Amino acid sequence: MGLSKLSRNKRFNYAKNCKNVRRRAIAKKRRQRNLVKLTEEAKALAQHWNSSKGLKENMETLGLVADCSKAIPIQKTTLKNVDERRMNEKKPTSQQKEVHKILEDIAANEFHKEWSVSQEDIHFAVHMFDRHELDFAAMVRDRKNVYQLTSGQIRQKLRMFRMSKVPWEWYCKDRQERHLPPLDFKL
């Protein structure tokens, strides 16, 4: 009996569209992966989002605007009409106040990303600055330019090195210790 039951469960279900089932499963996995990548603002909105409503209704209940041009129309009227319109505005609800407070806190505490440069690029930049200082034509012909970068590409790579604070400060201190003149490499 066990064998017949096993074969019965293994039968193919022609009534079910397996292509759609697989497609839905893949889409679900993709949505779950994208939820992890959400920004702080999107996470704050997702907590208060009502999936049964549309975009405009959700934005309106959260006190946000979906279309800027409709929210703040540019009129050729005098300032009196603007004051009247402000008087007609609704007072924000508690949910709107909460969402606004979360978004303002996120904007106030926004972390500015430091420029990160790979170790290979740091070694490349240090070598080029030490050997050629700011002569980009000579950098193109250098033996360490194994990827055959153009002068513009080298300048961009050195610029990224210059934008990274910690490696640039270490390099400037190192140049001072070796009694080399400071570089005047502008961004």
N, C-alpha and C. Protein backbone atom coordinates (compact mmCIF):
# COMPACT_ATOMS: atom_id res chain seq x y z
N MET A 1 0.81 -1.19 0.00
CA MET A 1 0.00 0.00 0.00
C MET A 1 0.84 1.25 0.00
N GLY A 2 1.97 1.18 0.65
CA GLY A 2 2.83 2.35 0.70
C GLY A 2 3.28 2.80 -0.67
N LEU A 3 3.54 1.86 -1.56
CA LEU A 3 4.01 2.21 -2.89
C LEU A 3 2.92 2.90 -3.70
N SER A 4 1.72 2.42 -3.60
CA SER A 4 0.65 3.05 -4.37
C SER A 4 0.37 4.46 -3.87
N LYS A 5 0.44 4.62 -2.54
CA LYS A 5 0.22 5.95 -1.99
C LYS A 5 1.32 6.90 -2.44
N LEU A 6 2.56 6.41 -2.47
CA LEU A 6 3.69 7.22 -2.89
C LEU A 6 3.52 7.64 -4.34
N SER A 7 3.13 6.70 -5.19
CA SER A 7 2.97 7.04 -6.60
C SER A 7 1.79 7.98 -6.81
N ARG A 8 0.77 7.86 -5.96
CA ARG A 8 -0.39 8.73 -6.10
C ARG A 8 -0.01 10.19 -5.80
N ASN A 9 0.84 10.38 -4.78
CA ASN A 9 1.27 11.73 -4.44
C ASN A 9 2.20 12.32 -5.48
N LYS A 10 2.89 11.46 -6.19
CA LYS A 10 3.85 11.93 -7.17
C LYS A 10 3.21 12.24 -8.52
N ARG A 11 1.94 11.99 -8.66
CA ARG A 11 1.30 12.23 -9.94
C ARG A 11 1.32 13.71 -10.28
N PHE A 12 1.36 14.01 -11.54
CA PHE A 12 1.37 15.40 -12.00
C PHE A 12 -0.04 15.95 -12.02
N ASN A 13 -0.21 17.16 -11.50
CA ASN A 13 -1.52 17.80 -11.47
C ASN A 13 -1.66 18.68 -12.70
N TYR A 14 -2.46 18.22 -13.65
CA TYR A 14 -2.64 18.97 -14.89
C TYR A 14 -3.53 20.18 -14.70
N ALA A 15 -4.29 20.20 -13.62
CA ALA A 15 -5.19 21.32 -13.39
C ALA A 15 -4.44 22.56 -12.89
N LYS A 16 -3.29 22.33 -12.30
CA LYS A 16 -2.51 23.45 -11.75
C LYS A 16 -1.53 23.94 -12.80
N ASN A 17 -1.45 25.25 -12.97
CA ASN A 17 -0.51 25.83 -13.92
C ASN A 17 0.82 26.05 -13.20
N CYS A 18 1.74 25.11 -13.40
CA CYS A 18 3.01 25.15 -12.67
C CYS A 18 3.86 26.36 -13.03
N LYS A 19 3.70 26.84 -14.26
CA LYS A 19 4.48 28.00 -14.68
C LYS A 19 4.11 29.21 -13.83
N ASN A 20 2.82 29.42 -13.60
CA ASN A 20 2.40 30.54 -12.77
C ASN A 20 2.81 30.36 -11.32
N VAL A 21 2.75 29.11 -10.84
CA VAL A 21 3.15 28.84 -9.45
C VAL A 21 4.62 29.19 -9.26
N ARG A 22 5.48 28.75 -10.19
CA ARG A 22 6.90 29.06 -10.10
C ARG A 22 7.14 30.57 -10.21
N ARG A 23 6.42 31.21 -11.13
CA ARG A 23 6.60 32.64 -11.32
C ARG A 23 6.22 33.41 -10.06
N ARG A 24 5.11 32.99 -9.41
CA ARG A 24 4.69 33.65 -8.18
C ARG A 24 5.71 33.43 -7.07
N ALA A 25 6.26 32.22 -6.99
CA ALA A 25 7.25 31.93 -5.94
C ALA A 25 8.51 32.76 -6.15
N ILE A 26 8.95 32.88 -7.38
CA ILE A 26 10.14 33.68 -7.68
C ILE A 26 9.89 35.15 -7.38
N ALA A 27 8.70 35.63 -7.74
CA ALA A 27 8.35 37.03 -7.46
C ALA A 27 8.31 37.29 -5.96
N LYS A 28 7.79 36.31 -5.20
CA LYS A 28 7.73 36.47 -3.75
C LYS A 28 9.13 36.55 -3.15
N LYS A 29 10.04 35.69 -3.62
CA LYS A 29 11.42 35.74 -3.14
C LYS A 29 12.07 37.07 -3.48
N ARG A 30 11.80 37.58 -4.68
CA ARG A 30 12.37 38.86 -5.11
C ARG A 30 11.86 39.99 -4.22
N ARG A 31 10.56 39.95 -3.91
CA ARG A 31 10.01 41.00 -3.04
C ARG A 31 10.63 40.94 -1.66
N GLN A 32 10.84 39.72 -1.14
CA GLN A 32 11.44 39.58 0.19
C GLN A 32 12.87 40.08 0.20
N ARG A 33 13.62 39.81 -0.90
CA ARG A 33 14.99 40.32 -0.97
C ARG A 33 14.99 41.84 -1.02
N ASN A 34 14.04 42.42 -1.76
CA ASN A 34 14.00 43.87 -1.89
C ASN A 34 13.58 44.54 -0.60
N LEU A 35 12.80 43.84 0.25
CA LEU A 35 12.41 44.42 1.53
C LEU A 35 13.63 44.64 2.42
N VAL A 36 14.63 43.78 2.30
CA VAL A 36 15.84 43.92 3.10
C VAL A 36 16.60 45.17 2.68
N LYS A 37 16.53 45.53 1.40
CA LYS A 37 17.29 46.65 0.87
C LYS A 37 16.60 48.00 1.07
N LEU A 38 15.44 48.02 1.73
CA LEU A 38 14.70 49.27 1.88
C LEU A 38 15.50 50.30 2.67
N THR A 39 15.33 51.56 2.30
CA THR A 39 15.95 52.63 3.05
C THR A 39 15.16 52.87 4.33
N GLU A 40 15.69 53.69 5.21
CA GLU A 40 15.01 53.98 6.47
C GLU A 40 13.67 54.67 6.21
N GLU A 41 13.64 55.58 5.21
CA GLU A 41 12.40 56.27 4.90
C GLU A 41 11.34 55.29 4.43
N ALA A 42 11.75 54.36 3.57
CA ALA A 42 10.80 53.39 3.04
C ALA A 42 10.30 52.46 4.14
N LYS A 43 11.18 52.11 5.09
CA LYS A 43 10.74 51.27 6.20
C LYS A 43 9.71 51.99 7.06
N ALA A 44 9.94 53.30 7.27
CA ALA A 44 8.99 54.08 8.06
C ALA A 44 7.64 54.15 7.36
N LEU A 45 7.65 54.32 6.05
CA LEU A 45 6.39 54.36 5.30
C LEU A 45 5.73 52.98 5.27
N ALA A 46 6.53 51.92 5.17
CA ALA A 46 5.97 50.57 5.10
C ALA A 46 5.23 50.19 6.37
N GLN A 47 5.64 50.73 7.51
CA GLN A 47 4.96 50.42 8.77
C GLN A 47 3.53 50.96 8.77
N HIS A 48 3.33 52.12 8.14
CA HIS A 48 2.02 52.77 8.17
C HIS A 48 1.25 52.61 6.86
N TRP A 49 1.77 51.83 5.94
CA TRP A 49 1.16 51.68 4.62
C TRP A 49 -0.01 50.72 4.69
N ASN A 50 -1.11 51.08 4.03
CA ASN A 50 -2.29 50.22 3.96
C ASN A 50 -2.35 49.63 2.56
N SER A 51 -2.11 48.33 2.45
CA SER A 51 -2.02 47.72 1.12
C SER A 51 -3.36 47.64 0.42
N SER A 52 -4.46 47.83 1.15
CA SER A 52 -5.77 47.79 0.49
C SER A 52 -6.08 49.10 -0.23
N LYS A 53 -5.34 50.16 0.08
CA LYS A 53 -5.54 51.45 -0.57
C LYS A 53 -4.54 51.63 -1.70
N GLY A 54 -4.79 52.60 -2.54
CA GLY A 54 -3.88 52.93 -3.62
C GLY A 54 -2.81 53.90 -3.16
N LEU A 55 -1.94 54.29 -4.09
CA LEU A 55 -0.82 55.17 -3.77
C LEU A 55 -1.31 56.53 -3.29
N LYS A 56 -2.24 57.14 -4.03
CA LYS A 56 -2.69 58.49 -3.67
C LYS A 56 -3.39 58.50 -2.32
N GLU A 57 -4.23 57.51 -2.07
CA GLU A 57 -4.95 57.47 -0.79
C GLU A 57 -3.98 57.27 0.38
N ASN A 58 -3.01 56.36 0.19
CA ASN A 58 -2.02 56.13 1.24
C ASN A 58 -1.20 57.38 1.51
N MET A 59 -0.74 58.03 0.45
CA MET A 59 0.06 59.25 0.64
C MET A 59 -0.76 60.33 1.33
N GLU A 60 -2.03 60.42 0.99
CA GLU A 60 -2.89 61.43 1.60
C GLU A 60 -3.11 61.15 3.08
N THR A 61 -3.32 59.87 3.44
CA THR A 61 -3.52 59.55 4.86
C THR A 61 -2.24 59.74 5.67
N LEU A 62 -1.08 59.60 5.02
CA LEU A 62 0.18 59.79 5.73
C LEU A 62 0.61 61.26 5.75
N GLY A 63 -0.14 62.11 5.06
CA GLY A 63 0.20 63.53 5.05
C GLY A 63 1.30 63.87 4.09
N LEU A 64 1.49 63.02 3.09
CA LEU A 64 2.52 63.25 2.08
C LEU A 64 1.85 63.54 0.74
N VAL A 65 2.65 63.91 -0.22
CA VAL A 65 2.12 64.32 -1.52
C VAL A 65 2.65 63.37 -2.58
N ALA A 66 1.73 62.88 -3.43
CA ALA A 66 2.12 62.00 -4.53
C ALA A 66 2.53 62.81 -5.75
N ASP A 67 1.86 63.93 -6.00
CA ASP A 67 2.15 64.76 -7.16
C ASP A 67 2.41 66.19 -6.69
N CYS A 68 3.64 66.64 -6.80
CA CYS A 68 4.02 67.96 -6.29
C CYS A 68 3.33 69.09 -7.04
N SER A 69 3.18 68.92 -8.34
CA SER A 69 2.61 70.01 -9.14
C SER A 69 1.15 70.26 -8.79
N LYS A 70 0.42 69.23 -8.35
CA LYS A 70 -0.97 69.42 -7.95
C LYS A 70 -1.06 69.93 -6.51
N ALA A 71 -0.08 69.58 -5.68
CA ALA A 71 -0.11 70.00 -4.28
C ALA A 71 0.20 71.47 -4.12
N ILE A 72 1.14 71.98 -4.90
CA ILE A 72 1.52 73.39 -4.81
C ILE A 72 1.36 74.00 -6.20
N PRO A 73 0.16 74.38 -6.56
CA PRO A 73 -0.01 74.95 -7.90
C PRO A 73 0.58 76.36 -7.96
N ILE A 74 1.20 76.66 -9.07
CA ILE A 74 1.77 77.98 -9.27
C ILE A 74 0.69 78.86 -9.89
N GLN A 75 0.29 79.87 -9.12
CA GLN A 75 -0.79 80.73 -9.57
C GLN A 75 -0.25 82.14 -9.80
N LYS A 76 -0.93 82.87 -10.65
CA LYS A 76 -0.54 84.24 -10.93
C LYS A 76 -1.41 85.21 -10.13
N THR A 77 -1.80 84.81 -8.95
CA THR A 77 -2.66 85.64 -8.12
C THR A 77 -1.83 86.38 -7.09
N THR A 78 -2.46 87.23 -6.35
CA THR A 78 -1.77 87.98 -5.30
C THR A 78 -1.58 87.10 -4.08
N LEU A 79 -0.88 87.62 -3.10
CA LEU A 79 -0.58 86.85 -1.90
C LEU A 79 -1.80 86.60 -1.03
N LYS A 80 -2.86 87.37 -1.20
CA LYS A 80 -4.06 87.18 -0.39
C LYS A 80 -4.66 85.80 -0.61
N ASN A 81 -4.65 85.33 -1.84
CA ASN A 81 -5.22 84.01 -2.13
C ASN A 81 -4.41 82.90 -1.48
N VAL A 82 -3.10 83.09 -1.39
CA VAL A 82 -2.25 82.08 -0.76
C VAL A 82 -2.58 81.99 0.72
N ASP A 83 -2.79 83.14 1.39
CA ASP A 83 -3.13 83.12 2.80
C ASP A 83 -4.47 82.45 3.04
N GLU A 84 -5.44 82.69 2.15
CA GLU A 84 -6.74 82.04 2.28
C GLU A 84 -6.63 80.54 2.13
N ARG A 85 -5.78 80.08 1.20
CA ARG A 85 -5.61 78.66 1.00
C ARG A 85 -4.98 78.01 2.22
N ARG A 86 -4.04 78.71 2.86
CA ARG A 86 -3.40 78.17 4.06
C ARG A 86 -4.40 78.02 5.20
N MET A 87 -5.37 78.91 5.26
CA MET A 87 -6.37 78.82 6.31
C MET A 87 -7.29 77.61 6.10
N ASN A 88 -7.47 77.22 4.86
CA ASN A 88 -8.35 76.10 4.55
C ASN A 88 -7.68 74.74 4.72
N GLU A 89 -6.39 74.72 5.02
CA GLU A 89 -5.67 73.46 5.16
C GLU A 89 -6.16 72.69 6.40
N LYS A 90 -6.16 71.36 6.28
CA LYS A 90 -6.57 70.51 7.39
C LYS A 90 -5.42 70.37 8.39
N LYS A 91 -5.79 70.13 9.64
CA LYS A 91 -4.77 69.89 10.65
C LYS A 91 -4.31 68.44 10.55
N PRO A 92 -3.02 68.18 10.73
CA PRO A 92 -2.52 66.80 10.58
C PRO A 92 -3.02 65.88 11.69
N THR A 93 -3.27 64.64 11.34
CA THR A 93 -3.70 63.65 12.32
C THR A 93 -2.49 63.12 13.09
N SER A 94 -2.77 62.29 14.08
CA SER A 94 -1.67 61.76 14.90
C SER A 94 -0.77 60.84 14.07
N GLN A 95 -1.37 60.07 13.15
CA GLN A 95 -0.56 59.19 12.30
C GLN A 95 0.33 60.02 11.39
N GLN A 96 -0.20 61.10 10.83
CA GLN A 96 0.59 61.98 9.98
C GLN A 96 1.73 62.61 10.77
N LYS A 97 1.44 63.05 11.98
CA LYS A 97 2.49 63.65 12.82
C LYS A 97 3.59 62.64 13.11
N GLU A 98 3.18 61.39 13.38
CA GLU A 98 4.16 60.35 13.68
C GLU A 98 5.06 60.06 12.49
N VAL A 99 4.46 59.94 11.30
CA VAL A 99 5.24 59.68 10.08
C VAL A 99 6.17 60.85 9.79
N HIS A 100 5.68 62.08 9.92
CA HIS A 100 6.50 63.26 9.68
C HIS A 100 7.68 63.31 10.65
N LYS A 101 7.41 62.96 11.93
CA LYS A 101 8.49 62.99 12.92
C LYS A 101 9.56 61.95 12.59
N ILE A 102 9.13 60.75 12.17
CA ILE A 102 10.09 59.69 11.82
C ILE A 102 10.94 60.14 10.64
N LEU A 103 10.29 60.69 9.60
CA LEU A 103 11.02 61.11 8.41
C LEU A 103 11.98 62.27 8.71
N GLU A 104 11.56 63.20 9.57
CA GLU A 104 12.44 64.31 9.95
C GLU A 104 13.64 63.81 10.75
N ASP A 105 13.42 62.84 11.66
CA ASP A 105 14.54 62.28 12.42
C ASP A 105 15.54 61.57 11.51
N ILE A 106 15.01 60.85 10.53
CA ILE A 106 15.90 60.15 9.58
C ILE A 106 16.71 61.16 8.78
N ALA A 107 16.05 62.24 8.35
CA ALA A 107 16.76 63.25 7.56
C ALA A 107 17.80 63.97 8.40
N ALA A 108 17.51 64.19 9.69
CA ALA A 108 18.46 64.89 10.56
C ALA A 108 19.67 64.03 10.87
N ASN A 109 19.47 62.71 10.99
CA ASN A 109 20.55 61.81 11.38
C ASN A 109 21.12 61.06 10.19
N GLU A 110 20.94 61.59 9.02
CA GLU A 110 21.39 60.87 7.83
C GLU A 110 22.90 60.72 7.85
N PHE A 111 23.35 59.51 7.62
CA PHE A 111 24.77 59.21 7.62
C PHE A 111 25.32 59.48 6.24
N HIS A 112 26.37 60.27 6.17
CA HIS A 112 26.99 60.55 4.89
C HIS A 112 28.08 59.52 4.64
N LYS A 113 27.96 58.83 3.55
CA LYS A 113 28.86 57.73 3.23
C LYS A 113 30.27 58.25 2.98
N GLU A 114 31.20 57.60 3.62
CA GLU A 114 32.60 57.90 3.36
C GLU A 114 32.99 57.24 2.04
N TRP A 115 33.86 57.89 1.31
CA TRP A 115 34.35 57.29 0.08
C TRP A 115 35.29 56.16 0.44
N SER A 116 34.97 54.98 0.01
CA SER A 116 35.83 53.85 0.30
C SER A 116 36.62 53.50 -0.96
N VAL A 117 37.90 53.29 -0.76
CA VAL A 117 38.80 52.97 -1.87
C VAL A 117 39.46 51.64 -1.54
N SER A 118 39.62 50.79 -2.54
CA SER A 118 40.23 49.48 -2.31
C SER A 118 41.72 49.64 -2.02
N GLN A 119 42.28 48.61 -1.42
CA GLN A 119 43.72 48.64 -1.10
C GLN A 119 44.56 48.77 -2.36
N GLU A 120 44.14 48.09 -3.41
CA GLU A 120 44.88 48.16 -4.67
C GLU A 120 44.90 49.58 -5.22
N ASP A 121 43.75 50.26 -5.14
CA ASP A 121 43.69 51.64 -5.62
C ASP A 121 44.53 52.58 -4.75
N ILE A 122 44.57 52.31 -3.45
CA ILE A 122 45.39 53.14 -2.55
C ILE A 122 46.86 52.98 -2.91
N HIS A 123 47.31 51.75 -3.11
CA HIS A 123 48.71 51.52 -3.48
C HIS A 123 49.03 52.18 -4.82
N PHE A 124 48.09 52.08 -5.76
CA PHE A 124 48.28 52.69 -7.07
C PHE A 124 48.41 54.20 -6.95
N ALA A 125 47.51 54.82 -6.18
CA ALA A 125 47.51 56.28 -6.04
C ALA A 125 48.77 56.76 -5.33
N VAL A 126 49.17 56.06 -4.28
CA VAL A 126 50.38 56.46 -3.54
C VAL A 126 51.60 56.36 -4.45
N HIS A 127 51.70 55.29 -5.21
CA HIS A 127 52.83 55.13 -6.13
C HIS A 127 52.86 56.26 -7.16
N MET A 128 51.69 56.55 -7.74
CA MET A 128 51.63 57.59 -8.78
C MET A 128 51.97 58.96 -8.21
N PHE A 129 51.44 59.27 -7.03
CA PHE A 129 51.74 60.57 -6.43
C PHE A 129 53.22 60.67 -6.07
N ASP A 130 53.79 59.58 -5.55
CA ASP A 130 55.20 59.61 -5.16
C ASP A 130 56.12 59.75 -6.37
N ARG A 131 55.82 59.00 -7.41
CA ARG A 131 56.69 59.01 -8.59
C ARG A 131 56.51 60.24 -9.47
N HIS A 132 55.26 60.62 -9.74
CA HIS A 132 54.99 61.62 -10.76
C HIS A 132 54.29 62.89 -10.25
N GLU A 133 53.94 62.91 -8.98
CA GLU A 133 53.17 64.01 -8.38
C GLU A 133 51.91 64.28 -9.19
N LEU A 134 51.84 65.33 -10.00
CA LEU A 134 50.60 65.62 -10.73
C LEU A 134 50.78 65.56 -12.25
N ASP A 135 51.77 64.85 -12.72
CA ASP A 135 52.03 64.71 -14.15
C ASP A 135 51.26 63.49 -14.68
N PHE A 136 50.04 63.72 -15.17
CA PHE A 136 49.17 62.61 -15.59
C PHE A 136 49.67 61.95 -16.87
N ALA A 137 50.35 62.69 -17.72
CA ALA A 137 50.90 62.09 -18.94
C ALA A 137 51.97 61.07 -18.60
N ALA A 138 52.79 61.37 -17.58
CA ALA A 138 53.81 60.41 -17.16
C ALA A 138 53.17 59.21 -16.46
N MET A 139 52.05 59.43 -15.77
CA MET A 139 51.38 58.34 -15.09
C MET A 139 50.84 57.31 -16.09
N VAL A 140 50.42 57.79 -17.25
CA VAL A 140 49.90 56.89 -18.28
C VAL A 140 50.99 55.93 -18.73
N ARG A 141 52.24 56.41 -18.82
CA ARG A 141 53.35 55.59 -19.32
C ARG A 141 54.03 54.76 -18.23
N ASP A 142 53.58 54.91 -16.97
CA ASP A 142 54.22 54.20 -15.86
C ASP A 142 53.98 52.69 -15.98
N ARG A 143 54.94 51.90 -15.48
CA ARG A 143 54.84 50.44 -15.56
C ARG A 143 53.74 49.90 -14.65
N LYS A 144 53.40 50.63 -13.59
CA LYS A 144 52.36 50.18 -12.68
C LYS A 144 50.96 50.36 -13.27
N ASN A 145 50.85 51.05 -14.37
CA ASN A 145 49.56 51.25 -15.04
C ASN A 145 49.28 50.01 -15.90
N VAL A 146 49.05 48.88 -15.24
CA VAL A 146 48.91 47.61 -15.95
C VAL A 146 47.56 47.53 -16.68
N TYR A 147 46.55 48.27 -16.22
CA TYR A 147 45.25 48.24 -16.89
C TYR A 147 45.18 49.25 -18.03
N GLN A 148 46.28 49.91 -18.32
CA GLN A 148 46.40 50.89 -19.40
C GLN A 148 45.30 51.95 -19.33
N LEU A 149 45.20 52.54 -18.15
CA LEU A 149 44.22 53.60 -17.93
C LEU A 149 44.66 54.86 -18.64
N THR A 150 43.69 55.63 -19.10
CA THR A 150 44.01 56.92 -19.72
C THR A 150 44.28 57.94 -18.63
N SER A 151 44.72 59.12 -19.04
CA SER A 151 45.03 60.16 -18.04
C SER A 151 43.77 60.58 -17.30
N GLY A 152 42.63 60.64 -18.01
CA GLY A 152 41.37 60.99 -17.35
C GLY A 152 40.94 59.94 -16.35
N GLN A 153 41.11 58.67 -16.69
CA GLN A 153 40.75 57.59 -15.77
C GLN A 153 41.66 57.60 -14.55
N ILE A 154 42.94 57.87 -14.76
CA ILE A 154 43.87 57.95 -13.62
C ILE A 154 43.50 59.13 -12.73
N ARG A 155 43.19 60.26 -13.35
CA ARG A 155 42.80 61.45 -12.57
C ARG A 155 41.56 61.14 -11.73
N GLN A 156 40.60 60.42 -12.29
CA GLN A 156 39.39 60.07 -11.55
C GLN A 156 39.70 59.13 -10.40
N LYS A 157 40.58 58.17 -10.62
CA LYS A 157 40.97 57.23 -9.56
C LYS A 157 41.69 57.96 -8.43
N LEU A 158 42.56 58.89 -8.79
CA LEU A 158 43.27 59.67 -7.77
C LEU A 158 42.32 60.62 -7.05
N ARG A 159 41.33 61.09 -7.77
CA ARG A 159 40.33 61.97 -7.16
C ARG A 159 39.52 61.19 -6.11
N MET A 160 39.18 59.94 -6.41
CA MET A 160 38.46 59.11 -5.44
C MET A 160 39.34 58.86 -4.21
N PHE A 161 40.63 58.66 -4.43
CA PHE A 161 41.56 58.50 -3.32
C PHE A 161 41.61 59.77 -2.48
N ARG A 162 41.59 60.92 -3.15
CA ARG A 162 41.63 62.21 -2.45
C ARG A 162 40.35 62.43 -1.65
N MET A 163 39.22 61.94 -2.15
CA MET A 163 37.93 62.13 -1.45
C MET A 163 37.80 61.25 -0.22
N SER A 164 38.54 60.16 -0.15
CA SER A 164 38.50 59.30 1.04
C SER A 164 39.37 59.95 2.11
N LYS A 165 38.76 60.31 3.22
CA LYS A 165 39.44 61.13 4.22
C LYS A 165 40.60 60.41 4.90
N VAL A 166 40.35 59.23 5.42
CA VAL A 166 41.36 58.55 6.24
C VAL A 166 42.62 58.21 5.44
N PRO A 167 42.50 57.54 4.28
CA PRO A 167 43.74 57.25 3.53
C PRO A 167 44.47 58.51 3.08
N TRP A 168 43.73 59.56 2.71
CA TRP A 168 44.37 60.79 2.26
C TRP A 168 45.14 61.46 3.40
N GLU A 169 44.54 61.47 4.60
CA GLU A 169 45.23 62.07 5.76
C GLU A 169 46.49 61.28 6.11
N TRP A 170 46.38 59.96 6.07
CA TRP A 170 47.57 59.14 6.34
C TRP A 170 48.65 59.41 5.32
N TYR A 171 48.26 59.54 4.07
CA TYR A 171 49.25 59.78 3.02
C TYR A 171 49.91 61.15 3.20
N CYS A 172 49.12 62.16 3.55
CA CYS A 172 49.70 63.50 3.77
C CYS A 172 50.68 63.49 4.95
N LYS A 173 50.33 62.79 6.03
CA LYS A 173 51.25 62.68 7.17
C LYS A 173 52.53 61.95 6.77
N ASP A 174 52.37 60.90 5.97
CA ASP A 174 53.52 60.14 5.50
C ASP A 174 54.45 61.01 4.65
N ARG A 175 53.87 61.84 3.80
CA ARG A 175 54.69 62.75 2.97
C ARG A 175 55.45 63.75 3.84
N GLN A 176 54.79 64.24 4.89
CA GLN A 176 55.48 65.17 5.80
C GLN A 176 56.65 64.48 6.50
N GLU A 177 56.44 63.24 6.95
CA GLU A 177 57.50 62.51 7.64
C GLU A 177 58.68 62.24 6.72
N ARG A 178 58.42 62.06 5.43
CA ARG A 178 59.49 61.80 4.47
C ARG A 178 60.07 63.10 3.90
N HIS A 179 59.62 64.25 4.43
CA HIS A 179 60.09 65.58 4.03
C HIS A 179 59.84 65.85 2.54
N LEU A 180 58.70 65.38 2.04
CA LEU A 180 58.29 65.67 0.67
C LEU A 180 57.36 66.88 0.68
N PRO A 181 57.35 67.67 -0.38
CA PRO A 181 56.44 68.82 -0.39
C PRO A 181 54.97 68.36 -0.42
N PRO A 182 54.08 69.12 0.22
CA PRO A 182 52.67 68.73 0.21
C PRO A 182 52.08 68.85 -1.20
N LEU A 183 51.15 67.95 -1.51
CA LEU A 183 50.50 67.96 -2.83
C LEU A 183 49.34 68.95 -2.82
N ASP A 184 49.18 69.67 -3.89
CA ASP A 184 48.06 70.59 -4.05
C ASP A 184 47.11 69.99 -5.08
N PHE A 185 46.49 68.85 -4.72
CA PHE A 185 45.59 68.15 -5.63
C PHE A 185 44.17 68.53 -5.27
N LYS A 186 43.56 69.39 -6.07
CA LYS A 186 42.22 69.89 -5.83
C LYS A 186 41.20 68.86 -6.32
N LEU A 187 40.04 68.87 -5.68
CA LEU A 187 38.96 68.00 -6.14
C LEU A 187 38.32 68.66 -7.30
